[in-house]
Amino acid sequence: MVLEFKGDAIVLSGETGTKLKSEIIGDYYQLWWEITSGGPNNEYRNQTTIIEMNSGSGEDYISETNETILGSSGHALQLKGTNFNTSNLAVITVEENPECYEHLKKVIARRWNSLQYATKIEEDTKDSIYLLNDRLQAFDIVHRYRLGNSLFFFDPLLFVQWAEIEEVAQRRIKKYYQSGTEFIIFLFTSDWFLGRGELTPLPTINNEQGWNSNEKEAVSKADKLFGNQDWRSFLLQSKSKEDRIQMMVRLYRDRLHKWFRYVLPLPFEPKKNQTYHLFMCSNYEAGVEITRRFYTKYTNNPKYSPSNEIAYSKFIGLHAEKKMKGKSRSSEWKILWAIIKEHDEGLCDVECRDLIRIQPESELLKKSLLWLVSKGYIKKINQMTDTWNNVPDLYRLDWNFVKEKLDVPSPPELKPMESKRV
C-alpha cells in the first residue's frame, strides 16, 4: 500500500477515525503509565514499557480539518519527552517502512530534540528509547530485556498476523492470564467484506472451487489473521456485511481470549460504511474498564452507571443473611458488584486481582464465588484458553438473572461516533 505524507505526517482517515483513535490512545497511554508505574505515592518507580509495533512517523495529517496531530507513537514519545517522572518508562518503536522510519526520526528531532534514542537493541540510550526498523529485533527485545508492565500496540495498515500475536504473547504471558501485559490491536473489519486497495472482499461461499485467484489470496490472508481456518464456515457466507462484521469481531475476540481474560472491541467509523475496531486486551480488570470509560467519553456513548443503592437493597431483600451492621457489606456483595461494574463480559475466577483484594483468602474467595453460583448470579463456563494446565474454574455473570433480580442491565453495546463523510 502506497503511503502519502504531508510534511512528516502520514495522511490518514478523518475526525471519527484516526483523530479520535489517537486522542483516546494518547490519554490512555498517560493514565496507563500513571497507574502501572506505581504513581506519585511510589515515585513512579515501577519499570514500564510502551511498544509500538507499527509506529508510523509519529504524526498523522487529517485532511478534513487540515491539521497535523500526534499519532499513537507520537503520544508515547510526548509522554516520555515532556514528563520528568518517566525515567523508568521505556518507549520502543518498530517501523519497517523506510519512509515512515526516516520521518519518525525527523519528528523526534523537531518536537523532542533533547531525547536520545538507539536504533539497535545492543546500544545503550539514557532515555530508554529505541527506534527499530527490524521486526526480529523487536521480538528479541521482548525476550531478552526486563520490560516491566508493558503495553503493546499493533497498528498495521491492514491486519496483524496471528503468528506475531503468539510470538509476543507466549514470551510475555507465562501463566494463566498473567497480568502485566496489555495489547491494543487494530483491525479494519469492514475491508474484509468491502475490499480496499490490494485486498479483495472475502468470498460468500465456503468452497475453494468457486473462488477466483484474488479471493483465494484474501482467504489466505484471513487464515493468517486468525492463525487457523476455523473462521471460514462462519464468515464465508452470503449474509449481510453487518452480520459478517459482527461475527468477525466475535470470532477474533474469542481468539484473543487464548491469552487475555478481557478483550474489549472498540468500533470506529472513519467514513460512511467503513468500520474498524481496536481490540483492548488485558488480564487486569481496571485496564479494560478504564478504556471503556475513555471511549464512552469521546464517542458520546452512554455511561454505564447502575445504581448500587437500588441493587444492594434488592440483594438484601433476597439474601437477608448477607446483611451486615452499619455500612459494612458482605464479601459476596462486593465481589458481585465488582464483576458487574469492572469485568468485561462479566468474566471472573479466583485469580482476578480485584477480587483477591476484596477477599485475600483463596478458599474464602472460592467459597464466595460458589455461593454466587448457587444463587444464580454467575455460571461456570468452559475455559476460553488451552494454553495452560490446571487452570481455575471460569465463570460468567448471568446478565438476564441480574437484570431480573437486581434490576441491573448489562452494559449498553458500544456504538462508533458516526461520520458525516461519505
Protein backbone atom coordinates (compact mmCIF):
# COMPACT_ATOMS: atom_id res chain seq x y z
CA MET A 1 0.00 0.00 0.00
CA VAL A 2 1.41 3.41 -1.04
CA LEU A 3 1.66 5.93 1.78
CA GLU A 4 1.04 9.64 1.34
CA PHE A 5 2.78 12.22 3.52
CA LYS A 6 2.10 15.85 4.40
CA GLY A 7 5.44 17.00 5.69
CA ASP A 8 6.43 14.20 8.06
CA ALA A 9 2.82 13.21 8.81
CA ILE A 10 1.05 10.24 7.25
CA VAL A 11 -2.20 11.22 5.53
CA LEU A 12 -4.92 9.05 7.08
CA SER A 13 -8.72 8.93 7.55
CA GLY A 14 -10.57 11.68 9.38
CA GLU A 15 -12.05 13.01 12.55
CA THR A 16 -14.07 9.98 13.66
CA GLY A 17 -11.29 7.61 12.63
CA THR A 18 -7.61 8.41 13.06
CA LYS A 19 -8.06 11.62 15.05
CA LEU A 20 -10.48 10.07 17.53
CA LYS A 21 -8.36 6.93 17.87
CA SER A 22 -5.20 8.96 18.50
CA GLU A 23 -6.89 11.11 21.15
CA ILE A 24 -8.19 8.08 23.02
CA ILE A 25 -4.86 6.26 22.89
CA GLY A 26 -2.91 9.39 23.85
CA ASP A 27 -4.96 9.85 27.01
CA TYR A 28 -4.90 6.12 27.72
CA TYR A 29 -1.09 5.97 27.48
CA GLN A 30 -0.84 8.73 30.08
CA LEU A 31 -3.24 7.09 32.52
CA TRP A 32 -1.87 3.58 31.92
CA TRP A 33 1.64 4.78 32.75
CA GLU A 34 0.49 6.66 35.86
CA ILE A 35 -1.17 3.51 37.22
CA THR A 36 1.34 0.84 36.21
CA SER A 37 4.39 2.90 37.24
CA GLY A 38 3.05 3.00 40.78
CA GLY A 39 2.04 6.65 40.62
CA PRO A 40 3.27 9.52 42.81
CA ASN A 41 3.00 7.51 46.04
CA ASN A 42 5.58 5.09 44.62
CA GLU A 43 7.50 7.89 42.89
CA TYR A 44 6.74 6.22 39.53
CA ARG A 45 9.44 3.64 40.27
CA ASN A 46 7.93 0.60 38.51
CA GLN A 47 9.52 -0.30 35.19
CA THR A 48 7.05 0.25 32.33
CA THR A 49 7.34 -0.06 28.56
CA ILE A 50 5.21 1.06 25.62
CA ILE A 51 5.97 -0.92 22.46
CA GLU A 52 4.62 0.46 19.19
CA MET A 53 4.77 -2.49 16.81
CA ASN A 54 3.73 -0.34 13.81
CA SER A 55 4.81 3.13 14.84
CA GLY A 56 4.39 5.08 11.60
CA SER A 57 6.01 8.50 11.55
CA GLY A 58 4.69 9.75 14.88
CA GLU A 59 2.39 12.27 13.18
CA ASP A 60 -0.88 11.98 11.23
CA TYR A 61 -2.37 14.53 8.85
CA ILE A 62 -6.17 14.94 8.88
CA SER A 63 -7.15 16.38 5.52
CA GLU A 64 -10.76 17.20 6.51
CA THR A 65 -9.60 19.65 9.15
CA ASN A 66 -6.22 20.48 7.60
CA GLU A 67 -4.32 19.66 10.79
CA THR A 68 -1.37 17.57 11.83
CA ILE A 69 -1.82 15.61 15.04
CA LEU A 70 0.29 13.21 17.04
CA GLY A 71 -0.12 9.56 16.14
CA SER A 72 -0.05 6.93 18.85
CA SER A 73 3.75 6.63 18.79
CA GLY A 74 3.93 10.42 18.92
CA HIS A 75 1.83 10.36 22.08
CA ALA A 76 4.16 7.78 23.64
CA LEU A 77 7.18 9.94 22.81
CA GLN A 78 5.37 13.05 24.03
CA LEU A 79 4.81 11.37 27.37
CA LYS A 80 8.48 10.43 27.53
CA GLY A 81 9.74 13.80 26.36
CA THR A 82 7.62 16.12 28.48
CA ASN A 83 7.16 14.33 31.83
CA PHE A 84 10.25 14.36 34.05
CA ASN A 85 8.88 11.42 36.09
CA THR A 86 9.25 8.94 33.21
CA SER A 87 12.83 7.82 33.82
CA ASN A 88 11.58 4.23 34.30
CA LEU A 89 9.40 4.31 31.18
CA ALA A 90 10.88 2.79 28.03
CA VAL A 91 9.45 3.51 24.58
CA ILE A 92 10.18 1.06 21.77
CA THR A 93 9.02 1.90 18.25
CA VAL A 94 9.08 -0.61 15.41
CA GLU A 95 8.62 0.58 11.84
CA GLU A 96 9.79 -1.43 8.83
CA ASN A 97 8.69 1.08 6.18
CA PRO A 98 11.86 3.08 5.42
CA GLU A 99 9.94 6.29 4.63
CA CYS A 100 8.00 6.21 7.90
CA TYR A 101 11.17 5.36 9.79
CA GLU A 102 13.05 8.39 8.45
CA HIS A 103 10.09 10.70 9.01
CA LEU A 104 9.86 9.47 12.61
CA LYS A 105 13.46 10.50 13.21
CA LYS A 106 12.67 13.96 11.84
CA VAL A 107 9.59 14.28 14.03
CA ILE A 108 11.65 13.46 17.13
CA ALA A 109 14.34 15.96 16.15
CA ARG A 110 11.73 18.67 15.59
CA ARG A 111 9.44 18.05 18.57
CA TRP A 112 11.68 16.50 21.24
CA ASN A 113 15.25 17.27 20.23
CA SER A 114 16.57 16.57 23.74
CA LEU A 115 15.53 12.91 23.57
CA GLN A 116 18.22 10.37 22.83
CA TYR A 117 17.41 7.06 21.18
CA ALA A 118 19.15 3.94 19.93
CA THR A 119 18.49 2.17 16.64
CA LYS A 120 19.78 -1.24 17.76
CA ILE A 121 18.90 -3.11 20.92
CA GLU A 122 22.58 -3.72 21.66
CA GLU A 123 23.12 0.03 22.05
CA ASP A 124 22.58 1.96 25.27
CA THR A 125 20.36 5.02 25.49
CA LYS A 126 19.94 7.13 28.60
CA ASP A 127 16.29 7.85 27.72
CA SER A 128 15.37 4.17 27.15
CA ILE A 129 14.01 4.90 23.68
CA TYR A 130 14.58 2.52 20.77
CA LEU A 131 13.72 3.16 17.12
CA LEU A 132 13.83 -0.20 15.38
CA ASN A 133 13.23 -0.94 11.71
CA ASP A 134 13.72 -4.69 12.06
CA ARG A 135 10.79 -6.68 13.45
CA LEU A 136 13.03 -9.53 14.59
CA GLN A 137 14.84 -7.10 16.86
CA ALA A 138 11.51 -6.26 18.46
CA PHE A 139 10.84 -9.92 19.25
CA ASP A 140 14.39 -10.22 20.56
CA ILE A 141 13.99 -7.27 22.91
CA VAL A 142 10.80 -8.79 24.31
CA HIS A 143 12.71 -11.98 25.03
CA ARG A 144 15.95 -10.53 26.39
CA TYR A 145 15.03 -7.40 28.31
CA ARG A 146 13.12 -6.80 31.52
CA LEU A 147 10.31 -4.61 30.25
CA GLY A 148 8.16 -4.48 33.39
CA ASN A 149 4.48 -3.65 32.88
CA SER A 150 4.16 -3.49 29.11
CA LEU A 151 1.65 -2.18 26.61
CA PHE A 152 1.94 -3.39 23.00
CA PHE A 153 0.12 -1.56 20.22
CA PHE A 154 -0.28 -3.45 16.93
CA ASP A 155 -1.42 -0.88 14.38
CA PRO A 156 -0.81 -2.25 10.86
CA LEU A 157 -2.33 -0.77 7.72
CA LEU A 158 -4.49 -3.87 7.26
CA PHE A 159 -4.04 -6.64 9.82
CA VAL A 160 -1.51 -8.31 12.10
CA GLN A 161 -0.74 -11.97 11.57
CA TRP A 162 -1.74 -14.29 14.40
CA ALA A 163 1.77 -15.73 14.46
CA GLU A 164 3.03 -12.32 15.57
CA ILE A 165 0.44 -12.10 18.35
CA GLU A 166 1.53 -15.56 19.51
CA GLU A 167 5.22 -14.67 19.28
CA VAL A 168 4.86 -11.78 21.69
CA ALA A 169 2.19 -13.26 23.97
CA GLN A 170 3.98 -16.52 24.68
CA ARG A 171 7.15 -14.63 25.63
CA ARG A 172 5.26 -12.31 27.99
CA ILE A 173 2.35 -14.30 29.45
CA LYS A 174 3.90 -17.29 31.18
CA LYS A 175 0.99 -18.45 33.34
CA TYR A 176 -2.80 -18.42 33.41
CA TYR A 177 -3.99 -14.94 32.45
CA GLN A 178 -0.90 -13.33 33.95
CA SER A 179 -1.22 -9.57 34.30
CA GLY A 180 1.48 -7.06 33.41
CA THR A 181 0.97 -7.22 29.64
CA GLU A 182 -1.68 -5.46 27.57
CA PHE A 183 -2.29 -5.48 23.84
CA ILE A 184 -4.13 -2.98 21.67
CA ILE A 185 -4.79 -4.47 18.22
CA PHE A 186 -6.12 -2.63 15.17
CA LEU A 187 -8.36 -4.43 12.68
CA PHE A 188 -10.01 -2.81 9.66
CA THR A 189 -13.05 -5.07 9.89
CA SER A 190 -15.20 -3.78 7.03
CA ASP A 191 -12.38 -4.07 4.48
CA TRP A 192 -12.61 -7.85 4.57
CA PHE A 193 -16.12 -7.64 3.14
CA LEU A 194 -15.91 -4.48 1.02
CA GLY A 195 -12.31 -4.64 -0.15
CA ARG A 196 -9.70 -1.89 -0.10
CA GLY A 197 -6.67 -1.40 -2.28
CA GLU A 198 -4.93 -4.75 -2.79
CA LEU A 199 -7.41 -6.62 -0.57
CA THR A 200 -10.30 -8.30 -2.40
CA PRO A 201 -13.53 -8.91 -0.43
CA LEU A 202 -13.82 -12.37 1.08
CA PRO A 203 -15.99 -14.74 -0.99
CA THR A 204 -19.52 -15.55 0.16
CA ILE A 205 -19.20 -19.30 -0.33
CA ASN A 206 -17.07 -21.76 1.64
CA ASN A 207 -15.94 -23.70 -1.40
CA GLU A 208 -12.46 -23.19 -2.75
CA GLN A 209 -13.52 -24.37 -6.21
CA GLY A 210 -15.74 -21.30 -6.52
CA TRP A 211 -13.09 -18.71 -5.62
CA ASN A 212 -11.10 -16.68 -8.13
CA SER A 213 -7.38 -16.07 -7.58
CA ASN A 214 -7.90 -12.76 -5.74
CA GLU A 215 -10.46 -14.33 -3.43
CA LYS A 216 -8.08 -17.19 -2.69
CA GLU A 217 -5.46 -14.64 -1.71
CA ALA A 218 -7.97 -12.83 0.56
CA VAL A 219 -8.87 -16.13 2.27
CA SER A 220 -5.18 -16.92 2.73
CA LYS A 221 -4.68 -13.54 4.41
CA ALA A 222 -7.64 -14.17 6.72
CA ASP A 223 -6.13 -17.56 7.61
CA LYS A 224 -3.01 -15.65 8.74
CA LEU A 225 -5.15 -13.16 10.65
CA PHE A 226 -6.85 -15.89 12.69
CA GLY A 227 -3.96 -18.35 12.68
CA ASN A 228 -6.26 -21.17 11.54
CA GLN A 229 -9.10 -22.00 9.12
CA ASP A 230 -11.83 -22.39 11.73
CA TRP A 231 -13.30 -18.99 10.86
CA ARG A 232 -14.19 -19.95 7.29
CA SER A 233 -17.54 -21.66 7.92
CA PHE A 234 -18.73 -18.62 9.89
CA LEU A 235 -17.62 -15.80 7.58
CA LEU A 236 -17.72 -17.29 4.09
CA GLN A 237 -21.49 -16.97 3.86
CA SER A 238 -23.97 -14.84 1.93
CA LYS A 239 -25.10 -12.89 4.98
CA SER A 240 -25.19 -9.10 5.22
CA LYS A 241 -22.00 -7.12 5.63
CA GLU A 242 -23.15 -6.03 9.10
CA ASP A 243 -23.77 -9.61 10.23
CA ARG A 244 -20.40 -10.76 8.94
CA ILE A 245 -18.57 -7.85 10.62
CA GLN A 246 -20.30 -8.67 13.90
CA MET A 247 -19.32 -12.32 13.53
CA MET A 248 -15.71 -11.43 12.69
CA VAL A 249 -15.47 -9.29 15.82
CA ARG A 250 -16.85 -12.13 17.94
CA LEU A 251 -14.51 -14.70 16.40
CA TYR A 252 -11.43 -12.51 16.77
CA ARG A 253 -12.39 -11.64 20.34
CA ASP A 254 -12.73 -15.34 21.15
CA ARG A 255 -9.35 -15.99 19.55
CA LEU A 256 -7.69 -13.34 21.72
CA HIS A 257 -9.19 -14.92 24.83
CA LYS A 258 -6.49 -17.56 24.44
CA TRP A 259 -4.13 -15.08 26.11
CA PHE A 260 -6.41 -12.49 27.71
CA ARG A 261 -9.35 -12.84 30.09
CA TYR A 262 -10.74 -9.48 28.93
CA VAL A 263 -10.99 -8.39 25.30
CA LEU A 264 -12.98 -5.23 24.57
CA PRO A 265 -13.63 -4.32 20.89
CA LEU A 266 -13.98 -0.56 20.31
CA PRO A 267 -15.68 0.35 16.99
CA PHE A 268 -14.74 3.36 14.85
CA GLU A 269 -16.33 4.74 11.69
CA PRO A 270 -13.85 6.93 9.77
CA LYS A 271 -16.40 7.37 6.97
CA LYS A 272 -19.81 6.07 5.96
CA ASN A 273 -19.96 2.29 5.53
CA GLN A 274 -16.40 1.84 6.78
CA THR A 275 -15.70 0.28 10.16
CA TYR A 276 -12.62 -0.70 12.09
CA HIS A 277 -12.04 -1.91 15.63
CA LEU A 278 -9.43 -1.56 18.31
CA PHE A 279 -9.29 -4.68 20.46
CA MET A 280 -8.21 -3.77 24.00
CA CYS A 281 -6.72 -6.87 25.65
CA SER A 282 -5.88 -7.12 29.33
CA ASN A 283 -5.74 -9.52 32.26
CA TYR A 284 -6.30 -6.68 34.69
CA GLU A 285 -9.90 -5.66 35.25
CA ALA A 286 -9.26 -1.95 35.71
CA GLY A 287 -7.30 -1.73 32.46
CA VAL A 288 -10.28 -2.62 30.29
CA GLU A 289 -12.77 -0.65 32.38
CA ILE A 290 -10.64 2.50 32.12
CA THR A 291 -10.53 2.07 28.35
CA ARG A 292 -14.32 1.71 28.16
CA ARG A 293 -14.74 4.93 30.14
CA PHE A 294 -12.35 6.78 27.81
CA TYR A 295 -14.17 5.50 24.74
CA THR A 296 -17.65 6.38 26.03
CA LYS A 297 -16.49 9.90 26.92
CA TYR A 298 -15.05 10.60 23.48
CA THR A 299 -17.83 8.97 21.45
CA ASN A 300 -20.85 10.10 23.49
CA ASN A 301 -21.84 6.54 24.32
CA PRO A 302 -23.98 6.37 27.46
CA LYS A 303 -22.02 5.88 30.66
CA TYR A 304 -22.68 2.61 32.43
CA SER A 305 -23.83 3.66 35.89
CA PRO A 306 -26.26 1.19 37.50
CA SER A 307 -27.50 2.16 40.96
CA ASN A 308 -25.54 0.43 43.69
CA GLU A 309 -28.08 1.53 46.30
CA ILE A 310 -31.09 0.08 44.50
CA ALA A 311 -29.28 -3.13 43.55
CA TYR A 312 -28.00 -3.66 47.10
CA SER A 313 -31.47 -3.13 48.55
CA LYS A 314 -32.86 -5.81 46.26
CA PHE A 315 -29.90 -8.10 47.03
CA ILE A 316 -30.53 -7.86 50.80
CA GLY A 317 -34.25 -8.39 50.22
CA LEU A 318 -33.36 -11.71 48.61
CA HIS A 319 -30.48 -12.67 50.91
CA ALA A 320 -31.15 -11.24 54.36
CA GLU A 321 -28.39 -13.42 55.80
CA LYS A 322 -25.82 -11.26 53.95
CA LYS A 323 -26.89 -8.04 55.67
CA MET A 324 -24.13 -6.65 57.90
CA LYS A 325 -24.00 -3.95 60.55
CA GLY A 326 -23.86 -0.30 59.56
CA LYS A 327 -22.31 0.42 56.18
CA SER A 328 -20.35 -2.83 56.02
CA ARG A 329 -21.01 -5.09 53.05
CA SER A 330 -20.51 -8.83 52.69
CA SER A 331 -17.73 -10.20 50.50
CA GLU A 332 -20.36 -11.82 48.27
CA TRP A 333 -21.99 -8.48 47.53
CA LYS A 334 -18.71 -6.65 46.97
CA ILE A 335 -17.48 -9.40 44.65
CA LEU A 336 -20.74 -9.42 42.71
CA TRP A 337 -20.73 -5.64 42.30
CA ALA A 338 -17.08 -5.64 41.18
CA ILE A 339 -17.91 -8.22 38.50
CA ILE A 340 -20.91 -6.15 37.33
CA LYS A 341 -19.00 -2.88 37.17
CA GLU A 342 -15.43 -3.81 36.27
CA HIS A 343 -15.34 -7.16 34.48
CA ASP A 344 -15.75 -7.12 30.71
CA GLU A 345 -18.29 -9.75 29.61
CA GLY A 346 -18.90 -10.50 33.32
CA LEU A 347 -15.95 -12.91 33.37
CA CYS A 348 -14.27 -13.89 36.63
CA ASP A 349 -12.29 -16.54 38.50
CA VAL A 350 -10.35 -16.88 41.74
CA GLU A 351 -7.24 -15.28 40.21
CA CYS A 352 -8.84 -11.91 39.39
CA ARG A 353 -6.74 -9.29 41.14
CA ASP A 354 -9.60 -7.05 42.22
CA LEU A 355 -11.50 -9.97 43.74
CA ILE A 356 -8.38 -11.04 45.62
CA ARG A 357 -8.18 -7.55 47.11
CA ILE A 358 -11.77 -7.95 48.34
CA GLN A 359 -11.13 -11.43 49.74
CA PRO A 360 -7.41 -12.30 50.04
CA GLU A 361 -8.03 -15.79 51.40
CA SER A 362 -8.17 -18.10 48.38
CA GLU A 363 -10.54 -20.64 49.90
CA LEU A 364 -12.92 -17.94 51.13
CA LEU A 365 -12.88 -16.29 47.70
CA LYS A 366 -13.67 -19.63 46.10
CA LYS A 367 -16.47 -20.13 48.61
CA SER A 368 -17.94 -16.70 47.80
CA LEU A 369 -17.90 -17.44 44.08
CA LEU A 370 -19.59 -20.78 44.64
CA TRP A 371 -22.25 -19.01 46.72
CA LEU A 372 -22.89 -16.65 43.79
CA VAL A 373 -23.15 -19.73 41.54
CA SER A 374 -25.64 -21.37 43.90
CA LYS A 375 -27.84 -18.27 43.86
CA GLY A 376 -27.75 -17.97 40.06
CA TYR A 377 -25.71 -14.77 39.66
CA ILE A 378 -22.78 -16.38 37.88
CA LYS A 379 -22.41 -19.60 35.90
CA LYS A 380 -19.42 -21.84 35.34
CA ILE A 381 -18.39 -21.83 31.67
CA ASN A 382 -15.89 -23.70 29.54
CA GLN A 383 -12.35 -22.39 29.54
CA MET A 384 -11.54 -19.90 26.77
CA THR A 385 -7.90 -20.98 26.59
CA ASP A 386 -5.98 -24.23 26.22
CA THR A 387 -2.58 -22.65 26.80
CA TRP A 388 -2.16 -23.78 30.42
CA ASN A 389 -2.94 -26.85 32.51
CA ASN A 390 -4.66 -26.99 35.91
CA VAL A 391 -6.49 -23.69 35.41
CA PRO A 392 -9.17 -22.48 37.87
CA ASP A 393 -12.88 -22.62 37.15
CA LEU A 394 -14.05 -19.74 34.97
CA TYR A 395 -17.40 -18.02 35.50
CA ARG A 396 -19.59 -15.58 33.61
CA LEU A 397 -22.25 -13.29 35.01
CA ASP A 398 -25.81 -14.25 34.08
CA TRP A 399 -26.97 -10.83 32.94
CA ASN A 400 -30.59 -11.91 32.47
CA PHE A 401 -30.73 -13.14 36.06
CA VAL A 402 -29.02 -10.00 37.39
CA LYS A 403 -31.49 -7.83 35.48
CA GLU A 404 -34.46 -9.82 36.80
CA LYS A 405 -33.36 -9.96 40.44
CA LEU A 406 -31.43 -6.71 40.95
CA ASP A 407 -32.78 -4.54 38.12
CA VAL A 408 -29.24 -4.09 36.79
CA PRO A 409 -28.96 -4.24 32.98
CA SER A 410 -25.87 -5.32 31.08
CA PRO A 411 -23.62 -2.53 29.76
CA PRO A 412 -25.01 -0.99 26.55
CA GLU A 413 -23.44 -2.01 23.26
CA LEU A 414 -20.72 0.42 22.21
CA LYS A 415 -21.52 2.42 19.08
CA PRO A 416 -18.98 4.26 16.93
CA MET A 417 -19.19 8.01 16.53
CA GLU A 418 -20.92 8.41 13.17
CA SER A 419 -19.07 10.10 10.38
CA LYS A 420 -20.72 12.57 8.04
CA ARG A 421 -18.04 11.82 5.48
CA VAL A 422 -19.03 9.61 2.55
